[in-house]
Amino acid sequence: MTEETPGFEEKPDVPSGATPDDAEPKAASPSPEEAAAPAGDAKTAGLVAQLDQVRTALGERTADLQRLQAEYQNYRRRVERDRITVKEIAIANLLTELLPVLDDIGRAREHGELVGGFKSVAESLETVAAKMGLQQFGKEGEPFDPTIHEALMHSYAPDVTETTCVAILQPGYRFGERTIRPARVAVAEPQPGAQTVKAEETTEAGDDKESGGPDEG
């Protein structure tokens, strides 16, 4: 039997050529993928931040473009509206200058003097003025309207129930909704007291009807 030496413990066999450190387990070193993961996350975060900035800038530029487009459309509408207004004013001024000529043509027609070449020229002028939008108004018997009529003569008449145009001294003219010249007219009002008499007659007629008619003698 082999005697064991007291105080010594047996050690595991170590292969020849190996150091004691080699026998101890080593901590596993990180793989290349694990080492690159933090760097990749940081890069992704940076790209996301840049993308957010680009999206914000794109939204701002889009809003600016939309605002400029709206301003341009408003500018075009305003220019078109001003152009139409200037054109209407120019036509209205031209037609206003022609009114005395049209008045002369009207008087010549009333007196039977619109004949021959003068008649042809006059009718052509009236046609052109009508094509440009000139409209004549004012008729006898229509109610007096101070917005389109100018009363030059005044009288009373028993056969009217309201202020009425009884004579057209000069016709009125309008261009579109613009009154170039009011119609100059003679007006007649109901005879003073006529309404009272008429009201009394109506009342008496009603009383007679309710009582069965006038008394017979």
Protein backbone atom coordinates (compact mmCIF):
# COMPACT_ATOMS: atom_id res chain seq x y z
CA MET A 1 0.00 0.00 0.00
CA THR A 2 1.07 3.50 -0.71
CA GLU A 3 1.24 5.87 2.15
CA GLU A 4 -0.28 9.34 1.70
CA THR A 5 1.80 12.27 2.76
CA PRO A 6 -0.07 14.29 5.26
CA GLY A 7 -0.61 18.04 4.50
CA PHE A 8 -0.75 17.69 0.72
CA GLU A 9 -3.84 17.62 -1.40
CA GLU A 10 -4.01 16.05 -4.72
CA LYS A 11 -4.22 18.38 -7.69
CA PRO A 12 -5.81 17.54 -10.96
CA ASP A 13 -3.55 16.54 -13.69
CA VAL A 14 -2.47 19.40 -15.93
CA PRO A 15 -1.54 18.57 -19.48
CA SER A 16 2.02 19.18 -20.36
CA GLY A 17 2.68 22.55 -21.98
CA ALA A 18 -0.38 24.20 -20.44
CA THR A 19 -0.13 26.96 -17.90
CA PRO A 20 -2.26 26.97 -14.79
CA ASP A 21 -4.21 29.94 -16.09
CA ASP A 22 -5.34 27.89 -19.04
CA ALA A 23 -7.09 25.53 -16.78
CA GLU A 24 -9.34 28.28 -15.38
CA PRO A 25 -12.54 29.15 -17.37
CA LYS A 26 -12.49 32.52 -19.17
CA ALA A 27 -15.44 34.98 -19.54
CA ALA A 28 -17.03 34.83 -22.99
CA SER A 29 -16.06 37.86 -25.13
CA PRO A 30 -18.96 39.73 -26.95
CA SER A 31 -19.64 38.80 -30.54
CA PRO A 32 -19.12 41.38 -33.33
CA GLU A 33 -22.91 41.68 -33.78
CA GLU A 34 -23.42 42.43 -30.07
CA ALA A 35 -20.60 44.96 -30.10
CA ALA A 36 -22.07 46.72 -33.13
CA ALA A 37 -25.63 46.85 -31.70
CA PRO A 38 -25.25 50.03 -29.57
CA ALA A 39 -23.60 51.87 -32.44
CA GLY A 40 -26.41 50.80 -34.81
CA ASP A 41 -29.09 52.02 -32.39
CA ALA A 42 -27.44 55.41 -32.09
CA LYS A 43 -27.18 55.72 -35.87
CA THR A 44 -30.86 54.76 -36.31
CA ALA A 45 -31.90 57.33 -33.71
CA GLY A 46 -29.92 59.98 -35.56
CA LEU A 47 -31.56 59.08 -38.86
CA VAL A 48 -35.03 59.20 -37.29
CA ALA A 49 -34.28 62.64 -35.87
CA GLN A 50 -33.10 63.86 -39.29
CA LEU A 51 -36.19 62.40 -40.91
CA ASP A 52 -38.42 64.24 -38.43
CA GLN A 53 -36.61 67.47 -39.21
CA VAL A 54 -37.04 66.92 -42.95
CA ARG A 55 -40.74 66.18 -42.48
CA THR A 56 -41.20 69.34 -40.41
CA ALA A 57 -39.40 71.45 -43.01
CA LEU A 58 -41.45 69.86 -45.78
CA GLY A 59 -44.69 70.64 -43.93
CA GLU A 60 -43.64 74.26 -43.47
CA ARG A 61 -42.69 74.65 -47.13
CA THR A 62 -45.97 73.02 -48.21
CA ALA A 63 -47.94 75.43 -46.01
CA ASP A 64 -45.99 78.37 -47.47
CA LEU A 65 -46.72 77.15 -51.00
CA GLN A 66 -50.42 76.75 -50.26
CA ARG A 67 -50.57 80.24 -48.74
CA LEU A 68 -48.81 81.76 -51.76
CA GLN A 69 -51.16 79.92 -54.11
CA ALA A 70 -54.20 81.22 -52.23
CA GLU A 71 -52.81 84.78 -52.29
CA TYR A 72 -52.17 84.48 -56.02
CA GLN A 73 -55.71 83.26 -56.69
CA ASN A 74 -57.11 86.16 -54.63
CA TYR A 75 -54.87 88.55 -56.56
CA ARG A 76 -56.14 87.20 -59.90
CA ARG A 77 -59.77 87.50 -58.83
CA ARG A 78 -59.18 91.05 -57.58
CA VAL A 79 -57.46 92.05 -60.82
CA GLU A 80 -60.26 90.53 -62.90
CA ARG A 81 -62.89 92.28 -60.79
CA ASP A 82 -61.09 95.61 -61.10
CA ARG A 83 -60.71 95.11 -64.84
CA ILE A 84 -64.46 94.51 -65.24
CA THR A 85 -65.25 97.53 -63.06
CA VAL A 86 -62.97 99.81 -65.08
CA LYS A 87 -64.51 98.53 -68.30
CA GLU A 88 -68.05 99.16 -67.03
CA ILE A 89 -67.14 102.67 -65.91
CA ALA A 90 -65.60 103.44 -69.31
CA ILE A 91 -68.70 102.17 -71.16
CA ALA A 92 -71.02 104.06 -68.81
CA ASN A 93 -69.08 107.30 -69.39
CA LEU A 94 -69.25 106.81 -73.16
CA LEU A 95 -72.98 106.14 -73.09
CA THR A 96 -73.52 109.18 -70.88
CA GLU A 97 -71.90 111.35 -73.55
CA LEU A 98 -74.26 109.86 -76.16
CA LEU A 99 -77.46 110.68 -74.25
CA PRO A 100 -77.92 114.19 -75.74
CA VAL A 101 -77.61 112.68 -79.23
CA LEU A 102 -80.18 110.02 -78.37
CA ASP A 103 -82.49 112.75 -77.02
CA ASP A 104 -82.21 114.62 -80.33
CA ILE A 105 -83.01 111.42 -82.22
CA GLY A 106 -86.07 110.88 -80.02
CA ARG A 107 -87.36 114.42 -80.60
CA ALA A 108 -86.78 114.11 -84.35
CA ARG A 109 -88.77 110.85 -84.35
CA GLU A 110 -91.66 112.48 -82.48
CA HIS A 111 -91.82 115.33 -85.00
CA GLY A 112 -91.54 113.06 -88.05
CA GLU A 113 -88.14 114.38 -89.01
CA LEU A 114 -86.33 111.05 -88.77
CA VAL A 115 -86.16 110.28 -92.50
CA GLY A 116 -83.64 109.39 -95.18
CA GLY A 117 -80.02 108.84 -94.38
CA PHE A 118 -80.41 110.50 -90.98
CA LYS A 119 -82.90 107.79 -90.00
CA SER A 120 -80.50 105.01 -90.97
CA VAL A 121 -77.63 106.55 -89.01
CA ALA A 122 -79.85 107.21 -85.99
CA GLU A 123 -81.16 103.65 -85.90
CA SER A 124 -77.63 102.26 -86.24
CA LEU A 125 -76.49 104.39 -83.31
CA GLU A 126 -79.41 103.21 -81.18
CA THR A 127 -78.62 99.59 -82.06
CA VAL A 128 -74.98 99.96 -81.08
CA ALA A 129 -75.92 101.62 -77.78
CA ALA A 130 -78.35 98.79 -77.03
CA LYS A 131 -75.66 96.17 -77.79
CA MET A 132 -73.36 97.93 -75.33
CA GLY A 133 -76.02 97.43 -72.64
CA LEU A 134 -77.89 100.75 -72.64
CA GLN A 135 -81.54 100.35 -71.61
CA GLN A 136 -84.25 102.98 -71.82
CA PHE A 137 -86.98 103.17 -69.19
CA GLY A 138 -89.89 105.38 -68.17
CA LYS A 139 -93.53 104.98 -69.23
CA GLU A 140 -96.64 107.01 -68.68
CA GLY A 141 -98.96 105.61 -66.03
CA GLU A 142 -96.32 103.85 -63.95
CA PRO A 143 -96.04 104.69 -60.22
CA PHE A 144 -93.55 107.37 -59.34
CA ASP A 145 -90.29 105.95 -57.91
CA PRO A 146 -87.87 108.60 -56.63
CA THR A 147 -84.92 106.23 -57.11
CA ILE A 148 -85.37 106.16 -60.90
CA HIS A 149 -87.66 109.13 -61.61
CA GLU A 150 -87.04 112.86 -61.37
CA ALA A 151 -90.23 114.90 -61.05
CA LEU A 152 -90.05 118.16 -63.01
CA MET A 153 -93.77 118.96 -62.99
CA HIS A 154 -96.45 118.31 -60.40
CA SER A 155 -100.24 118.34 -60.52
CA TYR A 156 -103.35 116.73 -59.02
CA ALA A 157 -105.69 114.35 -60.79
CA PRO A 158 -108.96 112.83 -59.62
CA ASP A 159 -108.40 109.56 -61.48
CA VAL A 160 -105.16 108.45 -59.76
CA THR A 161 -104.86 106.69 -56.42
CA GLU A 162 -101.13 107.26 -55.93
CA THR A 163 -98.38 109.50 -57.20
CA THR A 164 -98.18 108.56 -60.88
CA CYS A 165 -96.02 109.51 -63.86
CA VAL A 166 -98.46 111.14 -66.28
CA ALA A 167 -95.89 112.36 -68.84
CA ILE A 168 -92.31 111.39 -69.74
CA LEU A 169 -90.37 114.56 -70.45
CA GLN A 170 -87.07 112.73 -70.96
CA PRO A 171 -86.62 108.95 -70.86
CA GLY A 172 -84.29 107.43 -68.31
CA TYR A 173 -81.34 105.22 -69.13
CA ARG A 174 -79.56 102.48 -67.21
CA PHE A 175 -76.49 100.37 -67.87
CA GLY A 176 -76.70 97.05 -66.11
CA GLU A 177 -77.71 97.90 -62.56
CA ARG A 178 -76.31 101.43 -62.84
CA THR A 179 -78.77 104.27 -63.48
CA ILE A 180 -77.07 106.63 -65.90
CA ARG A 181 -79.91 109.15 -65.92
CA PRO A 182 -83.27 109.10 -64.13
CA ALA A 183 -86.40 109.50 -66.17
CA ARG A 184 -87.58 113.10 -66.02
CA VAL A 185 -91.33 113.07 -65.63
CA ALA A 186 -94.46 115.02 -64.78
CA VAL A 187 -96.32 113.50 -61.86
CA ALA A 188 -99.88 113.73 -60.61
CA GLU A 189 -101.13 113.06 -57.11
CA PRO A 190 -104.67 112.20 -55.99
CA GLN A 191 -106.92 115.23 -55.65
CA PRO A 192 -106.89 116.52 -52.04
CA GLY A 193 -109.98 115.22 -50.25
CA ALA A 194 -110.70 112.62 -52.93
CA GLN A 195 -109.62 109.79 -50.67
CA THR A 196 -111.87 111.06 -47.88
CA VAL A 197 -114.89 111.32 -50.18
CA LYS A 198 -114.21 107.89 -51.59
CA ALA A 199 -113.90 106.41 -48.11
CA GLU A 200 -117.22 108.03 -47.08
CA GLU A 201 -118.93 106.69 -50.20
CA THR A 202 -117.62 103.22 -49.48
CA THR A 203 -118.85 103.41 -45.89
CA GLU A 204 -122.31 104.60 -46.98
CA ALA A 205 -122.53 101.84 -49.56
CA GLY A 206 -121.69 99.29 -46.90
CA ASP A 207 -124.33 100.67 -44.54
CA ASP A 208 -126.97 100.58 -47.26
CA LYS A 209 -126.13 96.99 -48.04
CA GLU A 210 -126.44 95.96 -44.40
CA SER A 211 -129.80 97.78 -44.03
CA GLY A 212 -131.23 96.19 -47.15
CA GLY A 213 -130.80 99.19 -49.45
CA PRO A 214 -132.12 102.72 -49.43
CA ASP A 215 -135.67 103.39 -48.19
CA GLU A 216 -138.29 103.44 -50.88
CA GLY A 217 -140.75 106.39 -50.79
